[in-house]
Amino acid sequence: MANNILLPIAGRGQRFIEDGYETPKPLIETNGKYLIERSLESLDLTESNLIFVVRKEHIDSHGIDEILNLKYGDDIKIVTVDYVTEGTLCTCLLAEEYINNKDSLTIFTPDCYFEPKFYYPKETTSSGRFLWNRDKQAFDALVATFHSKAPAHSYVRLNTNNVVQEAREKEVISNHAIGGLYYFKSGFDFVSYAKVMIEKNIRVNNEFYIAPIFNLMISEQFKVTIDKNTRHDILGTPEDIERHEL
């Protein structure tokens, strides 16, 4: 079974625009590499299909599609959007034709670099759950986390077995901040619950975020775990990139 890696990089990058940048955020260089390239070093890309959602204006102005093809091959999928969506969740659903299937799905919002590298699970149980590489427990979904108390992040609350009990967007409910990576045993699960979120109009600050999807899944007995980052460098602002380059 293949693993699909979905990268929603269709944001405007407003903080960079305000700082005078004309280059699209994914193509800004850090340590001699594109930001998207540096971020993707956090993931094992073998045996995975890469799917990018990009802004049409970034294709027209900077040829981001050609750059991505050059870096990651002609087999990648590129979805274009020419408007601002109602949130990251909606941006991800633009790739529904490629992810609404039984293949596992990793969603990565690539404005960070983290360690250890994420290797998607390859073992499953007879019930269809995946065995997490770190402890061989069976789960349905996973989220990367790092230690923080900053209110700008999303958070999960855990039980003593590192099983997620609750997820909150932009609300500190623990010291386990979500690190931009979400893994689902199947893309079908993500698409199904994402559509439920939209039907129920579950928004935060008038946007559809990814983290609240776990609350819906948990309410229907899905088991969600975490992958703790020992290093997590945020690359969301010009100042973040400067710190990362030190």
C-alpha atoms as a PDB file:
ATOM      1  CA  MET A   1       0.000   0.000   0.000  1.00  0.00           C
ATOM      2  CA  ALA A   2       1.376   3.390  -0.993  1.00  0.00           C
ATOM      3  CA  ASN A   3       1.685   6.463   1.182  1.00  0.00           C
ATOM      4  CA  ASN A   4       0.449   9.784  -0.139  1.00  0.00           C
ATOM      5  CA  ILE A   5       2.137  12.935   1.163  1.00  0.00           C
ATOM      6  CA  LEU A   6      -0.006  16.031   0.742  1.00  0.00           C
ATOM      7  CA  LEU A   7       1.627  19.447   0.973  1.00  0.00           C
ATOM      8  CA  PRO A   8      -0.750  22.426   1.046  1.00  0.00           C
ATOM      9  CA  ILE A   9       1.503  25.338   0.078  1.00  0.00           C
ATOM     10  CA  ALA A  10      -1.118  27.673  -1.354  1.00  0.00           C
ATOM     11  CA  GLY A  11      -0.969  30.331   1.349  1.00  0.00           C
ATOM     12  CA  ARG A  12      -0.125  33.935   0.530  1.00  0.00           C
ATOM     13  CA  GLY A  13       2.791  34.070   2.970  1.00  0.00           C
ATOM     14  CA  GLN A  14       1.518  37.379   4.295  1.00  0.00           C
ATOM     15  CA  ARG A  15       4.243  37.870   6.902  1.00  0.00           C
ATOM     16  CA  PHE A  16       6.903  37.576   4.211  1.00  0.00           C
ATOM     17  CA  ILE A  17       5.040  39.920   1.861  1.00  0.00           C
ATOM     18  CA  GLU A  18       4.814  42.507   4.633  1.00  0.00           C
ATOM     19  CA  ASP A  19       8.571  42.163   5.138  1.00  0.00           C
ATOM     20  CA  GLY A  20       9.251  42.973   1.483  1.00  0.00           C
ATOM     21  CA  TYR A  21       9.718  39.460   0.052  1.00  0.00           C
ATOM     22  CA  GLU A  22       8.595  38.961  -3.553  1.00  0.00           C
ATOM     23  CA  THR A  23       9.593  35.286  -3.738  1.00  0.00           C
ATOM     24  CA  PRO A  24       6.821  32.825  -2.767  1.00  0.00           C
ATOM     25  CA  LYS A  25       7.361  31.487   0.736  1.00  0.00           C
ATOM     26  CA  PRO A  26       8.081  27.853  -0.333  1.00  0.00           C
ATOM     27  CA  LEU A  27      10.874  29.112  -2.612  1.00  0.00           C
ATOM     28  CA  ILE A  28      12.616  31.342  -0.081  1.00  0.00           C
ATOM     29  CA  GLU A  29      16.108  29.996   0.586  1.00  0.00           C
ATOM     30  CA  THR A  30      17.426  28.864   3.958  1.00  0.00           C
ATOM     31  CA  ASN A  31      20.858  27.296   4.383  1.00  0.00           C
ATOM     32  CA  GLY A  32      21.225  27.136   0.598  1.00  0.00           C
ATOM     33  CA  LYS A  33      17.963  25.255   0.045  1.00  0.00           C
ATOM     34  CA  TYR A  34      14.401  26.184  -0.746  1.00  0.00           C
ATOM     35  CA  LEU A  35      12.187  26.360   2.331  1.00  0.00           C
ATOM     36  CA  ILE A  36       9.988  23.557   0.961  1.00  0.00           C
ATOM     37  CA  GLU A  37      13.098  21.466   0.326  1.00  0.00           C
ATOM     38  CA  ARG A  38      14.465  22.011   3.833  1.00  0.00           C
ATOM     39  CA  SER A  39      11.101  21.230   5.429  1.00  0.00           C
ATOM     40  CA  LEU A  40      10.707  18.006   3.470  1.00  0.00           C
ATOM     41  CA  GLU A  41      14.011  16.757   4.865  1.00  0.00           C
ATOM     42  CA  SER A  42      11.941  16.069   7.994  1.00  0.00           C
ATOM     43  CA  LEU A  43      10.158  13.204   6.201  1.00  0.00           C
ATOM     44  CA  ASP A  44      11.183   9.927   4.631  1.00  0.00           C
ATOM     45  CA  LEU A  45       9.952  10.257   1.046  1.00  0.00           C
ATOM     46  CA  THR A  46      10.674   6.723  -0.170  1.00  0.00           C
ATOM     47  CA  GLU A  47       7.725   4.776  -1.567  1.00  0.00           C
ATOM     48  CA  SER A  48       5.545   7.867  -1.296  1.00  0.00           C
ATOM     49  CA  ASN A  49       3.533   9.927  -3.755  1.00  0.00           C
ATOM     50  CA  LEU A  50       4.005  13.682  -3.409  1.00  0.00           C
ATOM     51  CA  ILE A  51       0.970  15.905  -3.951  1.00  0.00           C
ATOM     52  CA  PHE A  52       1.343  19.692  -3.846  1.00  0.00           C
ATOM     53  CA  VAL A  53      -1.436  22.282  -3.719  1.00  0.00           C
ATOM     54  CA  VAL A  54       0.024  25.555  -5.030  1.00  0.00           C
ATOM     55  CA  ARG A  55      -1.155  29.045  -5.898  1.00  0.00           C
ATOM     56  CA  LYS A  56      -1.627  29.654  -9.618  1.00  0.00           C
ATOM     57  CA  GLU A  57       0.079  33.035  -9.317  1.00  0.00           C
ATOM     58  CA  HIS A  58       3.194  31.286  -7.984  1.00  0.00           C
ATOM     59  CA  ILE A  59       3.255  29.176 -11.144  1.00  0.00           C
ATOM     60  CA  ASP A  60       2.798  32.228 -13.344  1.00  0.00           C
ATOM     61  CA  SER A  61       5.345  34.419 -11.556  1.00  0.00           C
ATOM     62  CA  HIS A  62       8.025  31.976 -10.395  1.00  0.00           C
ATOM     63  CA  GLY A  63       7.392  28.635 -12.129  1.00  0.00           C
ATOM     64  CA  ILE A  64       6.975  26.792  -8.843  1.00  0.00           C
ATOM     65  CA  ASP A  65       5.543  23.790 -10.698  1.00  0.00           C
ATOM     66  CA  GLU A  66       8.692  23.411 -12.800  1.00  0.00           C
ATOM     67  CA  ILE A  67      10.905  23.802  -9.735  1.00  0.00           C
ATOM     68  CA  LEU A  68       8.980  21.100  -7.861  1.00  0.00           C
ATOM     69  CA  ASN A  69       9.170  18.774 -10.878  1.00  0.00           C
ATOM     70  CA  LEU A  70      12.913  19.348 -11.107  1.00  0.00           C
ATOM     71  CA  LYS A  71      13.420  18.612  -7.407  1.00  0.00           C
ATOM     72  CA  TYR A  72      10.998  15.718  -6.938  1.00  0.00           C
ATOM     73  CA  GLY A  73      10.377  14.236 -10.389  1.00  0.00           C
ATOM     74  CA  ASP A  74       7.668  14.259 -13.022  1.00  0.00           C
ATOM     75  CA  ASP A  75       5.480  11.779 -11.128  1.00  0.00           C
ATOM     76  CA  ILE A  76       4.436  14.288  -8.474  1.00  0.00           C
ATOM     77  CA  LYS A  77       0.911  15.696  -8.585  1.00  0.00           C
ATOM     78  CA  ILE A  78       0.344  19.448  -8.603  1.00  0.00           C
ATOM     79  CA  VAL A  79      -3.065  20.941  -7.846  1.00  0.00           C
ATOM     80  CA  THR A  80      -3.512  24.659  -8.527  1.00  0.00           C
ATOM     81  CA  VAL A  81      -5.806  27.154  -6.826  1.00  0.00           C
ATOM     82  CA  ASP A  82      -6.448  30.763  -7.826  1.00  0.00           C
ATOM     83  CA  TYR A  83      -8.321  31.930  -4.730  1.00  0.00           C
ATOM     84  CA  VAL A  84      -7.882  32.052  -0.963  1.00  0.00           C
ATOM     85  CA  THR A  85      -9.573  29.016   0.611  1.00  0.00           C
ATOM     86  CA  GLU A  86     -11.458  28.980   3.911  1.00  0.00           C
ATOM     87  CA  GLY A  87      -8.578  27.269   5.665  1.00  0.00           C
ATOM     88  CA  THR A  88      -5.955  24.539   5.425  1.00  0.00           C
ATOM     89  CA  LEU A  89      -8.583  21.799   5.625  1.00  0.00           C
ATOM     90  CA  CYS A  90     -10.307  23.170   2.523  1.00  0.00           C
ATOM     91  CA  THR A  91      -6.982  23.514   0.720  1.00  0.00           C
ATOM     92  CA  CYS A  92      -6.262  19.834   1.385  1.00  0.00           C
ATOM     93  CA  LEU A  93      -9.643  18.798  -0.008  1.00  0.00           C
ATOM     94  CA  LEU A  94      -8.722  20.347  -3.355  1.00  0.00           C
ATOM     95  CA  ALA A  95      -6.558  17.232  -3.797  1.00  0.00           C
ATOM     96  CA  GLU A  96      -9.475  14.881  -3.089  1.00  0.00           C
ATOM     97  CA  GLU A  97      -9.103  13.012  -6.376  1.00  0.00           C
ATOM     98  CA  TYR A  98      -5.623  11.877  -5.319  1.00  0.00           C
ATOM     99  CA  ILE A  99      -6.206  11.180  -1.609  1.00  0.00           C
ATOM    100  CA  ASN A 100      -9.757   9.828  -1.272  1.00  0.00           C
ATOM    101  CA  ASN A 101      -8.652   6.201  -1.251  1.00  0.00           C
ATOM    102  CA  LYS A 102      -7.349   3.414   0.989  1.00  0.00           C
ATOM    103  CA  ASP A 103      -3.712   4.517   0.777  1.00  0.00           C
ATOM    104  CA  SER A 104      -2.262   6.063   3.902  1.00  0.00           C
ATOM    105  CA  LEU A 105      -2.100   9.849   3.969  1.00  0.00           C
ATOM    106  CA  THR A 106       0.500  12.159   5.478  1.00  0.00           C
ATOM    107  CA  ILE A 107      -0.462  15.833   5.499  1.00  0.00           C
ATOM    108  CA  PHE A 108       2.489  18.139   6.099  1.00  0.00           C
ATOM    109  CA  THR A 109       2.268  21.914   6.353  1.00  0.00           C
ATOM    110  CA  PRO A 110       5.907  22.590   5.450  1.00  0.00           C
ATOM    111  CA  ASP A 111       6.863  25.661   7.437  1.00  0.00           C
ATOM    112  CA  CYS A 112       9.056  23.810   9.910  1.00  0.00           C
ATOM    113  CA  TYR A 113      12.001  21.446  10.160  1.00  0.00           C
ATOM    114  CA  PHE A 114      11.989  18.690  12.770  1.00  0.00           C
ATOM    115  CA  GLU A 115      13.848  15.650  14.053  1.00  0.00           C
ATOM    116  CA  PRO A 116      13.745  12.695  14.276  1.00  0.00           C
ATOM    117  CA  LYS A 117      12.770  12.116  10.668  1.00  0.00           C
ATOM    118  CA  PHE A 118       9.231  10.814  10.198  1.00  0.00           C
ATOM    119  CA  TYR A 119       8.958   7.333   8.692  1.00  0.00           C
ATOM    120  CA  TYR A 120       5.395   6.413   7.868  1.00  0.00           C
ATOM    121  CA  PRO A 121       4.161   3.126   9.388  1.00  0.00           C
ATOM    122  CA  LYS A 122       4.265   0.122   7.072  1.00  0.00           C
ATOM    123  CA  GLU A 123       2.832  -2.606   9.306  1.00  0.00           C
ATOM    124  CA  THR A 124      -0.904  -3.068   9.826  1.00  0.00           C
ATOM    125  CA  THR A 125      -3.110  -5.254  11.986  1.00  0.00           C
ATOM    126  CA  SER A 126      -5.912  -7.527  10.818  1.00  0.00           C
ATOM    127  CA  SER A 127      -8.373  -4.796  11.837  1.00  0.00           C
ATOM    128  CA  GLY A 128      -6.694  -2.307   9.501  1.00  0.00           C
ATOM    129  CA  ARG A 129      -4.975  -0.179  12.144  1.00  0.00           C
ATOM    130  CA  PHE A 130      -1.294   0.628  11.713  1.00  0.00           C
ATOM    131  CA  LEU A 131       1.468  -0.419  14.077  1.00  0.00           C
ATOM    132  CA  TRP A 132       3.401   2.651  15.145  1.00  0.00           C
ATOM    133  CA  ASN A 133       7.138   2.231  14.579  1.00  0.00           C
ATOM    134  CA  ARG A 134       8.145   3.556  17.993  1.00  0.00           C
ATOM    135  CA  ASP A 135       6.178   1.243  20.289  1.00  0.00           C
ATOM    136  CA  LYS A 136       4.273  -1.196  18.026  1.00  0.00           C
ATOM    137  CA  GLN A 137       0.880  -0.161  19.357  1.00  0.00           C
ATOM    138  CA  ALA A 138      -2.036  -0.086  16.922  1.00  0.00           C
ATOM    139  CA  PHE A 139      -3.535   3.263  15.868  1.00  0.00           C
ATOM    140  CA  ASP A 140      -5.740   4.902  13.242  1.00  0.00           C
ATOM    141  CA  ALA A 141      -4.077   8.311  13.059  1.00  0.00           C
ATOM    142  CA  LEU A 142      -1.054  10.202  14.334  1.00  0.00           C
ATOM    143  CA  VAL A 143       0.096  13.767  14.836  1.00  0.00           C
ATOM    144  CA  ALA A 144       3.630  15.092  15.316  1.00  0.00           C
ATOM    145  CA  THR A 145       4.132  17.172  18.468  1.00  0.00           C
ATOM    146  CA  PHE A 146       6.751  19.332  20.132  1.00  0.00           C
ATOM    147  CA  HIS A 147       7.036  20.959  23.551  1.00  0.00           C
ATOM    148  CA  SER A 148       5.481  24.414  23.752  1.00  0.00           C
ATOM    149  CA  LYS A 149       3.048  26.632  25.616  1.00  0.00           C
ATOM    150  CA  ALA A 150       2.726  29.348  22.961  1.00  0.00           C
ATOM    151  CA  PRO A 151      -0.923  30.193  22.162  1.00  0.00           C
ATOM    152  CA  ALA A 152      -0.215  30.485  18.430  1.00  0.00           C
ATOM    153  CA  HIS A 153      -0.101  26.681  18.072  1.00  0.00           C
ATOM    154  CA  SER A 154      -2.602  23.828  18.130  1.00  0.00           C
ATOM    155  CA  TYR A 155      -2.457  21.312  20.979  1.00  0.00           C
ATOM    156  CA  VAL A 156      -3.453  17.789  21.947  1.00  0.00           C
ATOM    157  CA  ARG A 157      -4.282  16.402  25.374  1.00  0.00           C
ATOM    158  CA  LEU A 158      -3.060  12.858  26.057  1.00  0.00           C
ATOM    159  CA  ASN A 159      -3.712  10.035  28.471  1.00  0.00           C
ATOM    160  CA  THR A 160      -0.872   8.182  30.195  1.00  0.00           C
ATOM    161  CA  ASN A 161      -0.395   5.926  27.143  1.00  0.00           C
ATOM    162  CA  ASN A 162       0.181   8.841  24.734  1.00  0.00           C
ATOM    163  CA  VAL A 163      -3.257   8.357  23.210  1.00  0.00           C
ATOM    164  CA  VAL A 164      -4.869  11.614  22.128  1.00  0.00           C
ATOM    165  CA  GLN A 165      -8.008  12.501  24.080  1.00  0.00           C
ATOM    166  CA  GLU A 166      -8.670  15.937  22.616  1.00  0.00           C
ATOM    167  CA  ALA A 167      -7.293  18.426  20.087  1.00  0.00           C
ATOM    168  CA  ARG A 168      -7.685  22.198  20.170  1.00  0.00           C
ATOM    169  CA  GLU A 169      -6.706  24.838  17.644  1.00  0.00           C
ATOM    170  CA  LYS A 170      -5.048  27.986  19.028  1.00  0.00           C
ATOM    171  CA  GLU A 171      -5.783  26.924  22.611  1.00  0.00           C
ATOM    172  CA  VAL A 172      -3.161  25.672  25.075  1.00  0.00           C
ATOM    173  CA  ILE A 173      -4.558  22.524  26.722  1.00  0.00           C
ATOM    174  CA  SER A 174      -1.196  20.799  27.349  1.00  0.00           C
ATOM    175  CA  ASN A 175       2.483  21.225  26.461  1.00  0.00           C
ATOM    176  CA  HIS A 176       2.090  18.996  23.379  1.00  0.00           C
ATOM    177  CA  ALA A 177       1.909  21.418  20.442  1.00  0.00           C
ATOM    178  CA  ILE A 178       1.037  20.048  17.011  1.00  0.00           C
ATOM    179  CA  GLY A 179       4.047  20.157  14.706  1.00  0.00           C
ATOM    180  CA  GLY A 180       2.490  20.433  11.251  1.00  0.00           C
ATOM    181  CA  LEU A 181       2.337  16.713  10.414  1.00  0.00           C
ATOM    182  CA  TYR A 182      -0.828  14.624  10.429  1.00  0.00           C
ATOM    183  CA  TYR A 183      -0.932  10.939   9.458  1.00  0.00           C
ATOM    184  CA  PHE A 184      -4.059   8.913   8.665  1.00  0.00           C
ATOM    185  CA  LYS A 185      -4.232   5.180   8.028  1.00  0.00           C
ATOM    186  CA  SER A 186      -6.260   6.015   4.906  1.00  0.00           C
ATOM    187  CA  GLY A 187      -6.947   9.138   2.929  1.00  0.00           C
ATOM    188  CA  PHE A 188     -10.576   8.084   2.877  1.00  0.00           C
ATOM    189  CA  ASP A 189     -10.765   8.637   6.653  1.00  0.00           C
ATOM    190  CA  PHE A 190      -9.422  12.167   6.331  1.00  0.00           C
ATOM    191  CA  VAL A 191     -11.712  13.149   3.463  1.00  0.00           C
ATOM    192  CA  SER A 192     -14.793  11.699   5.161  1.00  0.00           C
ATOM    193  CA  TYR A 193     -14.274  13.510   8.453  1.00  0.00           C
ATOM    194  CA  ALA A 194     -13.098  16.705   6.773  1.00  0.00           C
ATOM    195  CA  LYS A 195     -16.432  16.877   4.977  1.00  0.00           C
ATOM    196  CA  VAL A 196     -18.259  16.298   8.266  1.00  0.00           C
ATOM    197  CA  MET A 197     -16.320  19.217   9.752  1.00  0.00           C
ATOM    198  CA  ILE A 198     -17.447  21.461   6.925  1.00  0.00           C
ATOM    199  CA  GLU A 199     -21.057  20.254   7.179  1.00  0.00           C
ATOM    200  CA  LYS A 200     -21.017  20.998  10.924  1.00  0.00           C
ATOM    201  CA  ASN A 201     -19.239  24.306  10.256  1.00  0.00           C
ATOM    202  CA  ILE A 202     -16.497  23.548  12.800  1.00  0.00           C
ATOM    203  CA  ARG A 203     -14.294  26.624  12.456  1.00  0.00           C
ATOM    204  CA  VAL A 204     -11.701  28.444  14.530  1.00  0.00           C
ATOM    205  CA  ASN A 205     -11.294  32.171  13.870  1.00  0.00           C
ATOM    206  CA  ASN A 206     -13.656  31.630  10.929  1.00  0.00           C
ATOM    207  CA  GLU A 207     -11.293  29.116   9.273  1.00  0.00           C
ATOM    208  CA  PHE A 208     -11.321  25.352   8.841  1.00  0.00           C
ATOM    209  CA  TYR A 209      -8.190  23.906  10.456  1.00  0.00           C
ATOM    210  CA  ILE A 210      -7.021  20.278  10.476  1.00  0.00           C
ATOM    211  CA  ALA A 211      -6.585  19.623  14.220  1.00  0.00           C
ATOM    212  CA  PRO A 212     -10.317  19.540  15.150  1.00  0.00           C
ATOM    213  CA  ILE A 213     -10.810  16.571  12.826  1.00  0.00           C
ATOM    214  CA  PHE A 214      -9.305  14.359  15.533  1.00  0.00           C
ATOM    215  CA  ASN A 215     -12.120  15.181  17.948  1.00  0.00           C
ATOM    216  CA  LEU A 216     -14.651  13.812  15.465  1.00  0.00           C
ATOM    217  CA  MET A 217     -12.566  10.696  14.890  1.00  0.00           C
ATOM    218  CA  ILE A 218     -11.996  10.091  18.605  1.00  0.00           C
ATOM    219  CA  SER A 219     -15.737  10.402  19.254  1.00  0.00           C
ATOM    220  CA  GLU A 220     -16.203   7.418  16.932  1.00  0.00           C
ATOM    221  CA  GLN A 221     -13.539   5.285  18.627  1.00  0.00           C
ATOM    222  CA  PHE A 222     -10.623   6.081  16.348  1.00  0.00           C
ATOM    223  CA  LYS A 223      -7.314   5.773  18.177  1.00  0.00           C
ATOM    224  CA  VAL A 224      -4.855   8.633  17.673  1.00  0.00           C
ATOM    225  CA  THR A 225      -1.252   8.830  18.905  1.00  0.00           C
ATOM    226  CA  ILE A 226       1.670  11.260  18.700  1.00  0.00           C
ATOM    227  CA  ASP A 227       5.224  11.342  17.392  1.00  0.00           C
ATOM    228  CA  LYS A 228       7.332  13.564  19.646  1.00  0.00           C
ATOM    229  CA  ASN A 229       9.852  15.847  17.945  1.00  0.00           C
ATOM    230  CA  THR A 230      13.130  16.222  19.819  1.00  0.00           C
ATOM    231  CA  ARG A 231      13.970  19.192  17.593  1.00  0.00           C
ATOM    232  CA  HIS A 232      11.389  21.482  16.045  1.00  0.00           C
ATOM    233  CA  ASP A 233      12.390  24.634  14.173  1.00  0.00           C
ATOM    234  CA  ILE A 234       9.461  26.800  13.119  1.00  0.00           C
ATOM    235  CA  LEU A 235       9.993  28.470   9.719  1.00  0.00           C
ATOM    236  CA  GLY A 236       6.861  30.571   9.547  1.00  0.00           C
ATOM    237  CA  THR A 237       8.330  34.084   9.576  1.00  0.00           C
ATOM    238  CA  PRO A 238      11.478  35.826   8.310  1.00  0.00           C
ATOM    239  CA  GLU A 239      12.717  35.923  11.918  1.00  0.00           C
ATOM    240  CA  ASP A 240      12.199  32.157  12.266  1.00  0.00           C
ATOM    241  CA  ILE A 241      14.312  31.521   9.176  1.00  0.00           C
ATOM    242  CA  GLU A 242      17.091  33.755  10.466  1.00  0.00           C
ATOM    243  CA  ARG A 243      17.181  31.786  13.728  1.00  0.00           C
ATOM    244  CA  HIS A 244      17.205  28.488  11.821  1.00  0.00           C
ATOM    245  CA  GLU A 245      20.241  29.598   9.807  1.00  0.00           C
ATOM    246  CA  LEU A 246      22.349  30.354  12.893  1.00  0.00           C
END
